[in-house]
C-alpha atoms as a PDB file:
ATOM      1  CA  MET A   1     -33.759  23.828  28.611  1.00  0.00           C
ATOM      2  CA  LYS A   2     -36.910  25.978  28.342  1.00  0.00           C
ATOM      3  CA  VAL A   3     -35.980  27.908  31.486  1.00  0.00           C
ATOM      4  CA  CYS A   4     -32.488  28.601  30.114  1.00  0.00           C
ATOM      5  CA  SER A   5     -33.846  29.960  26.786  1.00  0.00           C
ATOM      6  CA  VAL A   6     -36.368  32.314  28.455  1.00  0.00           C
ATOM      7  CA  SER A   7     -33.994  33.697  31.051  1.00  0.00           C
ATOM      8  CA  PRO A   8     -31.824  35.766  28.639  1.00  0.00           C
ATOM      9  CA  LEU A   9     -34.975  37.234  27.089  1.00  0.00           C
ATOM     10  CA  LEU A  10     -36.247  38.298  30.513  1.00  0.00           C
ATOM     11  CA  SER A  11     -32.889  39.921  31.220  1.00  0.00           C
ATOM     12  CA  VAL A  12     -33.049  41.965  28.009  1.00  0.00           C
ATOM     13  CA  LEU A  13     -36.593  43.116  28.756  1.00  0.00           C
ATOM     14  CA  VAL A  14     -35.585  44.185  32.266  1.00  0.00           C
ATOM     15  CA  LEU A  15     -32.630  46.179  30.871  1.00  0.00           C
ATOM     16  CA  LEU A  16     -34.830  47.915  28.273  1.00  0.00           C
ATOM     17  CA  GLY A  17     -37.420  48.836  30.879  1.00  0.00           C
ATOM     18  CA  THR A  18     -34.747  50.198  33.210  1.00  0.00           C
ATOM     19  CA  SER A  19     -33.140  52.355  30.461  1.00  0.00           C
ATOM     20  CA  THR A  20     -36.521  53.780  29.404  1.00  0.00           C
ATOM     21  CA  ALA A  21     -37.412  54.686  32.970  1.00  0.00           C
ATOM     22  CA  MET A  22     -34.013  56.394  33.458  1.00  0.00           C
ATOM     23  CA  ALA A  23     -34.501  58.396  30.238  1.00  0.00           C
ATOM     24  CA  GLN A  24     -37.939  59.555  31.350  1.00  0.00           C
ATOM     25  CA  GLN A  25     -36.620  60.607  34.756  1.00  0.00           C
ATOM     26  CA  SER A  26     -33.798  62.607  33.114  1.00  0.00           C
ATOM     27  CA  GLY A  27     -36.232  64.382  30.782  1.00  0.00           C
ATOM     28  CA  MET A  28     -34.752  62.848  27.618  1.00  0.00           C
ATOM     29  CA  PRO A  29     -37.170  61.858  24.828  1.00  0.00           C
ATOM     30  CA  PRO A  30     -37.243  58.227  23.702  1.00  0.00           C
ATOM     31  CA  MET A  31     -34.808  57.459  20.905  1.00  0.00           C
ATOM     32  CA  ASP A  32     -37.482  57.060  18.231  1.00  0.00           C
ATOM     33  CA  THR A  33     -39.547  60.121  19.266  1.00  0.00           C
ATOM     34  CA  PRO A  34     -38.862  63.456  17.474  1.00  0.00           C
ATOM     35  CA  SER A  35     -37.708  66.164  19.867  1.00  0.00           C
ATOM     36  CA  ASP A  36     -40.080  68.576  18.098  1.00  0.00           C
ATOM     37  CA  PRO A  37     -43.087  66.717  16.681  1.00  0.00           C
ATOM     38  CA  SER A  38     -44.340  69.875  14.946  1.00  0.00           C
ATOM     39  CA  ARG A  39     -41.382  69.728  12.573  1.00  0.00           C
ATOM     40  CA  GLU A  40     -40.797  66.851  10.195  1.00  0.00           C
ATOM     41  CA  ALA A  41     -37.679  65.722   8.338  1.00  0.00           C
ATOM     42  CA  HIS A  42     -35.560  68.356   6.640  1.00  0.00           C
ATOM     43  CA  GLY A  43     -32.971  68.105   3.891  1.00  0.00           C
ATOM     44  CA  PRO A  44     -34.519  66.667   0.718  1.00  0.00           C
ATOM     45  CA  ASP A  45     -37.913  66.119   2.326  1.00  0.00           C
ATOM     46  CA  ALA A  46     -38.109  69.766   3.316  1.00  0.00           C
ATOM     47  CA  ALA A  47     -38.364  70.805  -0.329  1.00  0.00           C
ATOM     48  CA  LEU A  48     -41.618  68.891  -0.534  1.00  0.00           C
ATOM     49  CA  GLU A  49     -43.175  71.189   2.065  1.00  0.00           C
ATOM     50  CA  ARG A  50     -43.005  74.071  -0.434  1.00  0.00           C
ATOM     51  CA  PRO A  51     -45.833  74.492  -2.928  1.00  0.00           C
ATOM     52  CA  ALA A  52     -43.568  74.123  -5.966  1.00  0.00           C
ATOM     53  CA  ALA A  53     -44.381  70.555  -6.900  1.00  0.00           C
ATOM     54  CA  SER A  54     -47.472  68.598  -7.777  1.00  0.00           C
ATOM     55  CA  GLY A  55     -49.996  67.755  -5.084  1.00  0.00           C
ATOM     56  CA  GLN A  56     -48.870  64.135  -5.171  1.00  0.00           C
ATOM     57  CA  LEU A  57     -45.783  65.153  -3.214  1.00  0.00           C
ATOM     58  CA  MET A  58     -46.994  68.253  -1.464  1.00  0.00           C
ATOM     59  CA  ALA A  59     -50.227  67.074   0.084  1.00  0.00           C
ATOM     60  CA  PRO A  60     -48.814  64.572   2.589  1.00  0.00           C
ATOM     61  CA  MET A  61     -46.155  67.073   3.711  1.00  0.00           C
ATOM     62  CA  MET A  62     -48.222  70.208   4.216  1.00  0.00           C
ATOM     63  CA  PRO A  63     -49.533  70.700   7.757  1.00  0.00           C
ATOM     64  CA  GLY A  64     -53.276  70.470   8.140  1.00  0.00           C
ATOM     65  CA  MET A  65     -53.757  68.456   4.967  1.00  0.00           C
ATOM     66  CA  ASP A  66     -55.106  64.954   4.694  1.00  0.00           C
ATOM     67  CA  SER A  67     -52.362  62.442   3.867  1.00  0.00           C
ATOM     68  CA  ASP A  68     -54.929  60.349   2.019  1.00  0.00           C
ATOM     69  CA  MET A  69     -55.815  63.129  -0.412  1.00  0.00           C
ATOM     70  CA  ASN A  70     -57.021  62.156  -3.837  1.00  0.00           C
ATOM     71  CA  ASP A  71     -58.136  64.162  -6.832  1.00  0.00           C
ATOM     72  CA  ALA A  72     -61.793  63.786  -5.850  1.00  0.00           C
ATOM     73  CA  GLY A  73     -61.232  66.160  -2.930  1.00  0.00           C
ATOM     74  CA  VAL A  74     -60.733  69.905  -3.461  1.00  0.00           C
ATOM     75  CA  GLN A  75     -57.941  71.488  -1.423  1.00  0.00           C
ATOM     76  CA  HIS A  76     -56.392  74.945  -1.425  1.00  0.00           C
ATOM     77  CA  LEU A  77     -53.278  76.764  -0.279  1.00  0.00           C
ATOM     78  CA  VAL A  78     -52.151  80.405  -0.271  1.00  0.00           C
ATOM     79  CA  TRP A  79     -48.402  81.035  -0.002  1.00  0.00           C
ATOM     80  CA  VAL A  80     -47.007  84.542   0.425  1.00  0.00           C
ATOM     81  CA  GLU A  81     -43.384  83.840  -0.386  1.00  0.00           C
ATOM     82  CA  ASN A  82     -42.211  87.453  -0.079  1.00  0.00           C
ATOM     83  CA  LEU A  83     -43.955  90.398   1.502  1.00  0.00           C
ATOM     84  CA  GLU A  84     -41.195  92.886   2.156  1.00  0.00           C
ATOM     85  CA  GLY A  85     -39.975  96.407   2.574  1.00  0.00           C
ATOM     86  CA  VAL A  86     -37.281  97.562   0.134  1.00  0.00           C
ATOM     87  CA  TYR A  87     -34.328  99.713   1.225  1.00  0.00           C
ATOM     88  CA  GLY A  88     -31.681 101.249  -1.065  1.00  0.00           C
ATOM     89  CA  THR A  89     -31.498 103.875  -3.800  1.00  0.00           C
ATOM     90  CA  GLN A  90     -35.209 103.176  -4.227  1.00  0.00           C
ATOM     91  CA  LYS A  91     -37.551 102.569  -1.326  1.00  0.00           C
ATOM     92  CA  GLY A  92     -40.927 100.934  -1.166  1.00  0.00           C
ATOM     93  CA  ALA A  93     -42.437  97.462  -0.939  1.00  0.00           C
ATOM     94  CA  ALA A  94     -42.468  94.247  -2.982  1.00  0.00           C
ATOM     95  CA  TRP A  95     -44.492  91.065  -3.078  1.00  0.00           C
ATOM     96  CA  ASP A  96     -44.396  87.539  -4.494  1.00  0.00           C
ATOM     97  CA  ALA A  97     -47.428  85.391  -3.735  1.00  0.00           C
ATOM     98  CA  GLN A  98     -49.219  82.394  -5.186  1.00  0.00           C
ATOM     99  CA  GLY A  99     -52.067  80.057  -4.370  1.00  0.00           C
ATOM    100  CA  TRP A 100     -53.800  77.018  -5.775  1.00  0.00           C
ATOM    101  CA  LEU A 101     -57.163  75.315  -5.678  1.00  0.00           C
ATOM    102  CA  GLY A 102     -57.746  71.728  -6.787  1.00  0.00           C
ATOM    103  CA  GLY A 103     -56.770  68.106  -6.258  1.00  0.00           C
ATOM    104  CA  ASP A 104     -53.666  65.973  -6.560  1.00  0.00           C
ATOM    105  CA  PHE A 105     -53.525  65.967 -10.355  1.00  0.00           C
ATOM    106  CA  ASP A 106     -55.245  69.184 -11.500  1.00  0.00           C
ATOM    107  CA  LYS A 107     -55.033  72.634  -9.919  1.00  0.00           C
ATOM    108  CA  LEU A 108     -55.810  76.243 -10.686  1.00  0.00           C
ATOM    109  CA  TRP A 109     -52.808  78.414  -9.756  1.00  0.00           C
ATOM    110  CA  ILE A 110     -52.932  82.189  -9.245  1.00  0.00           C
ATOM    111  CA  LYS A 111     -49.530  83.917  -9.042  1.00  0.00           C
ATOM    112  CA  SER A 112     -48.581  87.553  -8.608  1.00  0.00           C
ATOM    113  CA  GLU A 113     -45.376  89.495  -8.064  1.00  0.00           C
ATOM    114  CA  GLY A 114     -44.132  93.046  -8.380  1.00  0.00           C
ATOM    115  CA  ALA A 115     -42.893  96.098  -6.519  1.00  0.00           C
ATOM    116  CA  ALA A 116     -44.027  99.613  -5.641  1.00  0.00           C
ATOM    117  CA  LEU A 117     -40.842 101.710  -5.511  1.00  0.00           C
ATOM    118  CA  ASP A 118     -40.759 105.476  -4.980  1.00  0.00           C
ATOM    119  CA  GLY A 119     -44.495 105.560  -5.530  1.00  0.00           C
ATOM    120  CA  GLN A 120     -44.441 103.715  -8.890  1.00  0.00           C
ATOM    121  CA  THR A 121     -45.545 100.154  -9.608  1.00  0.00           C
ATOM    122  CA  GLN A 122     -42.779  98.224 -11.393  1.00  0.00           C
ATOM    123  CA  GLY A 123     -42.495  94.750 -12.915  1.00  0.00           C
ATOM    124  CA  ALA A 124     -45.943  93.708 -11.692  1.00  0.00           C
ATOM    125  CA  LYS A 125     -47.720  90.675 -13.116  1.00  0.00           C
ATOM    126  CA  VAL A 126     -50.601  88.302 -12.395  1.00  0.00           C
ATOM    127  CA  GLU A 127     -50.883  84.780 -13.819  1.00  0.00           C
ATOM    128  CA  ALA A 128     -53.764  82.305 -13.875  1.00  0.00           C
ATOM    129  CA  LEU A 129     -52.556  78.813 -14.788  1.00  0.00           C
ATOM    130  CA  TRP A 130     -54.147  75.401 -15.005  1.00  0.00           C
ATOM    131  CA  ALA A 131     -51.665  72.787 -13.767  1.00  0.00           C
ATOM    132  CA  HIS A 132     -51.715  69.066 -14.468  1.00  0.00           C
ATOM    133  CA  ALA A 133     -49.355  66.568 -12.814  1.00  0.00           C
ATOM    134  CA  ILE A 134     -47.387  64.570 -15.382  1.00  0.00           C
ATOM    135  CA  LEU A 135     -44.773  63.100 -13.014  1.00  0.00           C
ATOM    136  CA  PRO A 136     -44.535  62.860  -9.207  1.00  0.00           C
ATOM    137  CA  TYR A 137     -42.241  65.892  -9.213  1.00  0.00           C
ATOM    138  CA  TRP A 138     -43.563  67.897 -12.169  1.00  0.00           C
ATOM    139  CA  ASP A 139     -46.661  69.761 -13.385  1.00  0.00           C
ATOM    140  CA  THR A 140     -47.419  71.251 -16.781  1.00  0.00           C
ATOM    141  CA  GLN A 141     -49.072  74.670 -16.700  1.00  0.00           C
ATOM    142  CA  LEU A 142     -51.246  76.498 -19.228  1.00  0.00           C
ATOM    143  CA  GLY A 143     -52.966  79.847 -18.830  1.00  0.00           C
ATOM    144  CA  ILE A 144     -52.648  83.623 -19.127  1.00  0.00           C
ATOM    145  CA  ARG A 145     -50.428  86.413 -17.773  1.00  0.00           C
ATOM    146  CA  TYR A 146     -51.225  90.090 -17.312  1.00  0.00           C
ATOM    147  CA  ASP A 147     -48.428  92.702 -16.934  1.00  0.00           C
ATOM    148  CA  PHE A 148     -49.127  96.126 -15.442  1.00  0.00           C
ATOM    149  CA  GLY A 149     -47.163  99.087 -14.126  1.00  0.00           C
ATOM    150  CA  ASN A 150     -44.102 100.643 -15.795  1.00  0.00           C
ATOM    151  CA  GLY A 151     -45.759 101.359 -19.141  1.00  0.00           C
ATOM    152  CA  PRO A 152     -48.795 100.005 -20.982  1.00  0.00           C
ATOM    153  CA  SER A 153     -50.311  96.723 -19.831  1.00  0.00           C
ATOM    154  CA  ARG A 154     -49.673  93.524 -21.769  1.00  0.00           C
ATOM    155  CA  GLN A 155     -51.552  90.217 -21.999  1.00  0.00           C
ATOM    156  CA  TRP A 156     -49.860  86.897 -22.726  1.00  0.00           C
ATOM    157  CA  ALA A 157     -50.782  83.271 -23.254  1.00  0.00           C
ATOM    158  CA  ALA A 158     -48.614  81.180 -20.928  1.00  0.00           C
ATOM    159  CA  PHE A 159     -47.384  77.578 -20.994  1.00  0.00           C
ATOM    160  CA  GLY A 160     -44.647  75.818 -19.067  1.00  0.00           C
ATOM    161  CA  VAL A 161     -43.560  73.376 -16.379  1.00  0.00           C
ATOM    162  CA  GLN A 162     -43.015  73.644 -12.641  1.00  0.00           C
ATOM    163  CA  GLY A 163     -41.465  71.155 -10.252  1.00  0.00           C
ATOM    164  CA  ILE A 164     -38.465  69.903  -8.306  1.00  0.00           C
ATOM    165  CA  SER A 165     -35.290  69.076 -10.227  1.00  0.00           C
ATOM    166  CA  PRO A 166     -32.517  66.697  -9.145  1.00  0.00           C
ATOM    167  CA  TYR A 167     -30.699  68.008  -6.044  1.00  0.00           C
ATOM    168  CA  TRP A 168     -34.026  69.538  -4.904  1.00  0.00           C
ATOM    169  CA  PHE A 169     -34.089  72.842  -6.770  1.00  0.00           C
ATOM    170  CA  ASN A 170     -37.550  74.359  -7.214  1.00  0.00           C
ATOM    171  CA  VAL A 171     -37.836  75.270 -10.905  1.00  0.00           C
ATOM    172  CA  GLU A 172     -40.334  77.228 -13.009  1.00  0.00           C
ATOM    173  CA  LEU A 173     -39.830  77.459 -16.779  1.00  0.00           C
ATOM    174  CA  THR A 174     -42.567  79.340 -18.654  1.00  0.00           C
ATOM    175  CA  GLY A 175     -42.986  80.523 -22.244  1.00  0.00           C
ATOM    176  CA  TYR A 176     -45.290  83.351 -23.324  1.00  0.00           C
ATOM    177  CA  VAL A 177     -46.926  84.470 -26.585  1.00  0.00           C
ATOM    178  CA  ALA A 178     -48.745  87.782 -27.148  1.00  0.00           C
ATOM    179  CA  ASP A 179     -50.152  89.853 -29.985  1.00  0.00           C
ATOM    180  CA  GLU A 180     -47.933  91.634 -32.539  1.00  0.00           C
ATOM    181  CA  GLY A 181     -45.619  88.624 -32.554  1.00  0.00           C
ATOM    182  CA  ARG A 182     -44.323  89.122 -29.007  1.00  0.00           C
ATOM    183  CA  THR A 183     -42.708  86.125 -27.324  1.00  0.00           C
ATOM    184  CA  ALA A 184     -40.953  85.689 -23.982  1.00  0.00           C
ATOM    185  CA  ILE A 185     -39.463  83.044 -21.729  1.00  0.00           C
ATOM    186  CA  ARG A 186     -38.912  83.119 -17.978  1.00  0.00           C
ATOM    187  CA  LEU A 187     -36.766  80.884 -15.778  1.00  0.00           C
ATOM    188  CA  LYS A 188     -36.953  80.962 -11.998  1.00  0.00           C
ATOM    189  CA  SER A 189     -35.152  78.651  -9.594  1.00  0.00           C
ATOM    190  CA  GLU A 190     -34.657  78.613  -5.821  1.00  0.00           C
ATOM    191  CA  TYR A 191     -33.194  76.347  -3.179  1.00  0.00           C
ATOM    192  CA  ASP A 192     -33.424  76.071   0.620  1.00  0.00           C
ATOM    193  CA  ILE A 193     -30.138  75.666   2.555  1.00  0.00           C
ATOM    194  CA  TYR A 194     -30.804  74.530   6.124  1.00  0.00           C
ATOM    195  CA  PHE A 195     -28.285  75.806   8.694  1.00  0.00           C
ATOM    196  CA  THR A 196     -30.527  74.557  11.511  1.00  0.00           C
ATOM    197  CA  GLN A 197     -34.110  73.296  11.718  1.00  0.00           C
ATOM    198  CA  HIS A 198     -35.284  76.896  11.927  1.00  0.00           C
ATOM    199  CA  LEU A 199     -32.630  79.020  10.157  1.00  0.00           C
ATOM    200  CA  ILE A 200     -32.749  78.724   6.359  1.00  0.00           C
ATOM    201  CA  LEU A 201     -30.928  80.576   3.569  1.00  0.00           C
ATOM    202  CA  LYS A 202     -32.756  80.718   0.228  1.00  0.00           C
ATOM    203  CA  PRO A 203     -30.856  81.770  -2.911  1.00  0.00           C
ATOM    204  CA  GLU A 204     -33.059  82.525  -5.921  1.00  0.00           C
ATOM    205  CA  ILE A 205     -32.361  83.420  -9.542  1.00  0.00           C
ATOM    206  CA  GLU A 206     -34.731  84.705 -12.221  1.00  0.00           C
ATOM    207  CA  LEU A 207     -34.003  85.389 -15.912  1.00  0.00           C
ATOM    208  CA  ASN A 208     -36.296  86.907 -18.573  1.00  0.00           C
ATOM    209  CA  ALA A 209     -35.807  86.955 -22.349  1.00  0.00           C
ATOM    210  CA  TYR A 210     -37.949  88.492 -25.113  1.00  0.00           C
ATOM    211  CA  GLY A 211     -38.257  87.785 -28.818  1.00  0.00           C
ATOM    212  CA  LYS A 212     -38.717  91.412 -29.885  1.00  0.00           C
ATOM    213  CA  PRO A 213     -38.260  94.842 -28.292  1.00  0.00           C
ATOM    214  CA  ASP A 214     -41.010  96.662 -26.421  1.00  0.00           C
ATOM    215  CA  ARG A 215     -39.698 100.192 -25.947  1.00  0.00           C
ATOM    216  CA  ALA A 216     -42.873 101.313 -24.168  1.00  0.00           C
ATOM    217  CA  ARG A 217     -41.941  98.944 -21.331  1.00  0.00           C
ATOM    218  CA  ASP A 218     -38.147  99.426 -21.595  1.00  0.00           C
ATOM    219  CA  ILE A 219     -37.607  95.886 -22.917  1.00  0.00           C
ATOM    220  CA  GLY A 220     -35.008  94.932 -25.506  1.00  0.00           C
ATOM    221  CA  THR A 221     -34.543  91.826 -27.629  1.00  0.00           C
ATOM    222  CA  GLY A 222     -32.856  88.718 -26.213  1.00  0.00           C
ATOM    223  CA  LEU A 223     -31.855  88.239 -22.586  1.00  0.00           C
ATOM    224  CA  SER A 224     -33.532  91.253 -21.015  1.00  0.00           C
ATOM    225  CA  ASP A 225     -33.009  91.189 -17.257  1.00  0.00           C
ATOM    226  CA  GLY A 226     -32.112  89.001 -14.322  1.00  0.00           C
ATOM    227  CA  GLU A 227     -32.235  89.006 -10.547  1.00  0.00           C
ATOM    228  CA  PHE A 228     -30.168  87.207  -7.928  1.00  0.00           C
ATOM    229  CA  GLU A 229     -31.709  87.142  -4.468  1.00  0.00           C
ATOM    230  CA  LEU A 230     -30.626  85.893  -1.045  1.00  0.00           C
ATOM    231  CA  ARG A 231     -33.008  85.703   1.907  1.00  0.00           C
ATOM    232  CA  LEU A 232     -32.196  84.406   5.361  1.00  0.00           C
ATOM    233  CA  ARG A 233     -35.341  83.456   7.262  1.00  0.00           C
ATOM    234  CA  TYR A 234     -36.105  82.120  10.704  1.00  0.00           C
ATOM    235  CA  GLU A 235     -39.055  79.739  10.840  1.00  0.00           C
ATOM    236  CA  PHE A 236     -40.842  80.173  14.145  1.00  0.00           C
ATOM    237  CA  THR A 237     -43.201  77.623  12.598  1.00  0.00           C
ATOM    238  CA  ARG A 238     -43.368  76.210   9.091  1.00  0.00           C
ATOM    239  CA  ARG A 239     -46.236  78.629   8.467  1.00  0.00           C
ATOM    240  CA  PHE A 240     -44.517  81.853   9.545  1.00  0.00           C
ATOM    241  CA  ALA A 241     -40.964  83.075   8.956  1.00  0.00           C
ATOM    242  CA  PRO A 242     -39.557  86.633   9.041  1.00  0.00           C
ATOM    243  CA  TYR A 243     -36.430  87.240   6.959  1.00  0.00           C
ATOM    244  CA  VAL A 244     -33.792  89.708   5.814  1.00  0.00           C
ATOM    245  CA  GLY A 245     -32.228  89.634   2.387  1.00  0.00           C
ATOM    246  CA  TYR A 246     -30.317  91.146  -0.512  1.00  0.00           C
ATOM    247  CA  VAL A 247     -31.434  91.570  -4.138  1.00  0.00           C
ATOM    248  CA  TYR A 248     -29.162  92.293  -7.120  1.00  0.00           C
ATOM    249  CA  GLU A 249     -30.816  93.068 -10.455  1.00  0.00           C
ATOM    250  CA  ARG A 250     -29.304  93.747 -13.851  1.00  0.00           C
ATOM    251  CA  LYS A 251     -30.532  94.542 -17.342  1.00  0.00           C
ATOM    252  CA  PHE A 252     -28.768  93.123 -20.384  1.00  0.00           C
ATOM    253  CA  ALA A 253     -28.309  93.880 -24.086  1.00  0.00           C
ATOM    254  CA  GLY A 254     -31.095  96.046 -25.542  1.00  0.00           C
ATOM    255  CA  SER A 255     -32.828  96.517 -22.190  1.00  0.00           C
ATOM    256  CA  ALA A 256     -29.609  97.898 -20.695  1.00  0.00           C
ATOM    257  CA  THR A 257     -29.263 100.303 -23.637  1.00  0.00           C
ATOM    258  CA  LEU A 258     -32.833 101.547 -23.201  1.00  0.00           C
ATOM    259  CA  ALA A 259     -32.220 102.085 -19.476  1.00  0.00           C
ATOM    260  CA  ARG A 260     -29.075 104.130 -20.119  1.00  0.00           C
ATOM    261  CA  GLU A 261     -30.860 106.225 -22.764  1.00  0.00           C
ATOM    262  CA  ALA A 262     -33.518 107.046 -20.149  1.00  0.00           C
ATOM    263  CA  GLY A 263     -30.810 108.034 -17.666  1.00  0.00           C
ATOM    264  CA  ASP A 264     -31.279 104.970 -15.443  1.00  0.00           C
ATOM    265  CA  PRO A 265     -28.558 102.530 -14.362  1.00  0.00           C
ATOM    266  CA  ALA A 266     -28.445  99.077 -15.933  1.00  0.00           C
ATOM    267  CA  ALA A 267     -27.782  97.414 -12.565  1.00  0.00           C
ATOM    268  CA  GLY A 268     -28.886  97.962  -9.006  1.00  0.00           C
ATOM    269  CA  HIS A 269     -29.126  96.348  -5.616  1.00  0.00           C
ATOM    270  CA  ARG A 270     -31.253  96.699  -2.531  1.00  0.00           C
ATOM    271  CA  GLY A 271     -31.781  95.331   0.940  1.00  0.00           C
ATOM    272  CA  VAL A 272     -35.081  93.764   1.916  1.00  0.00           C
ATOM    273  CA  ALA A 273     -36.807  92.683   5.119  1.00  0.00           C
ATOM    274  CA  GLY A 274     -40.148  90.964   5.326  1.00  0.00           C
ATOM    275  CA  VAL A 275     -42.119  87.862   6.165  1.00  0.00           C
ATOM    276  CA  GLU A 276     -43.035  84.576   4.495  1.00  0.00           C
ATOM    277  CA  PHE A 277     -46.190  82.703   5.463  1.00  0.00           C
ATOM    278  CA  PHE A 278     -48.816  80.335   4.115  1.00  0.00           C
ATOM    279  CA  PHE A 279     -52.280  79.143   5.066  1.00  0.00           C
END
């Protein structure tokens, strides 16, 4: 009886060994071995590779980071999301970059974005925010914002949240308060659509609203302006991806009126080409 019970097991082991040897001879990877070990799971997990959520999620996914990170260790990351040339009725360059320094639960974020079009700096800002993780997917943020270019500079106190919403949208919602009773709110959301492991389309939307007009900076009351952006990138690695894209921007309500009074259009579009990278 013992011989009969062992014999089927030996047969299975022989078959498994034979199939593995044949796969190795044919150059096929084993079934449970990723064909490209430098790339991890995509789909929902891919959103966690982007520095838009708290370190609790991001740290294990980012290459070169310790999966056993805790708040006692200080880490850092710099992410240049957009560094691009601009082509259209206006020509120049634009940027959108951010970085953080800290642990899993508390971080100092520095963010900056803007454009230099036809020799003039437009819509440029720098933010310094202290972030604290309140949920695995969400951070609160508190700090300051400095606007420059396109009129006199402005300083704001900033507070908001940043994280990953259901269906894996990266979301930033920030409120601002300044002197002379100025208030503002900004919503930014983006999403990665994976055509292949390397080819990704990223739609992005940004909306800005203000509590009172600021004619010196061509800003009206209420919903002021918005942008819809599409960028198609090719990730040679997760750290480096050139892209091409399209940006549509529009001013609304009082901001649109101020633009028309100055002889400028209320809407515009442009093509972009650039690179995304992080380190």
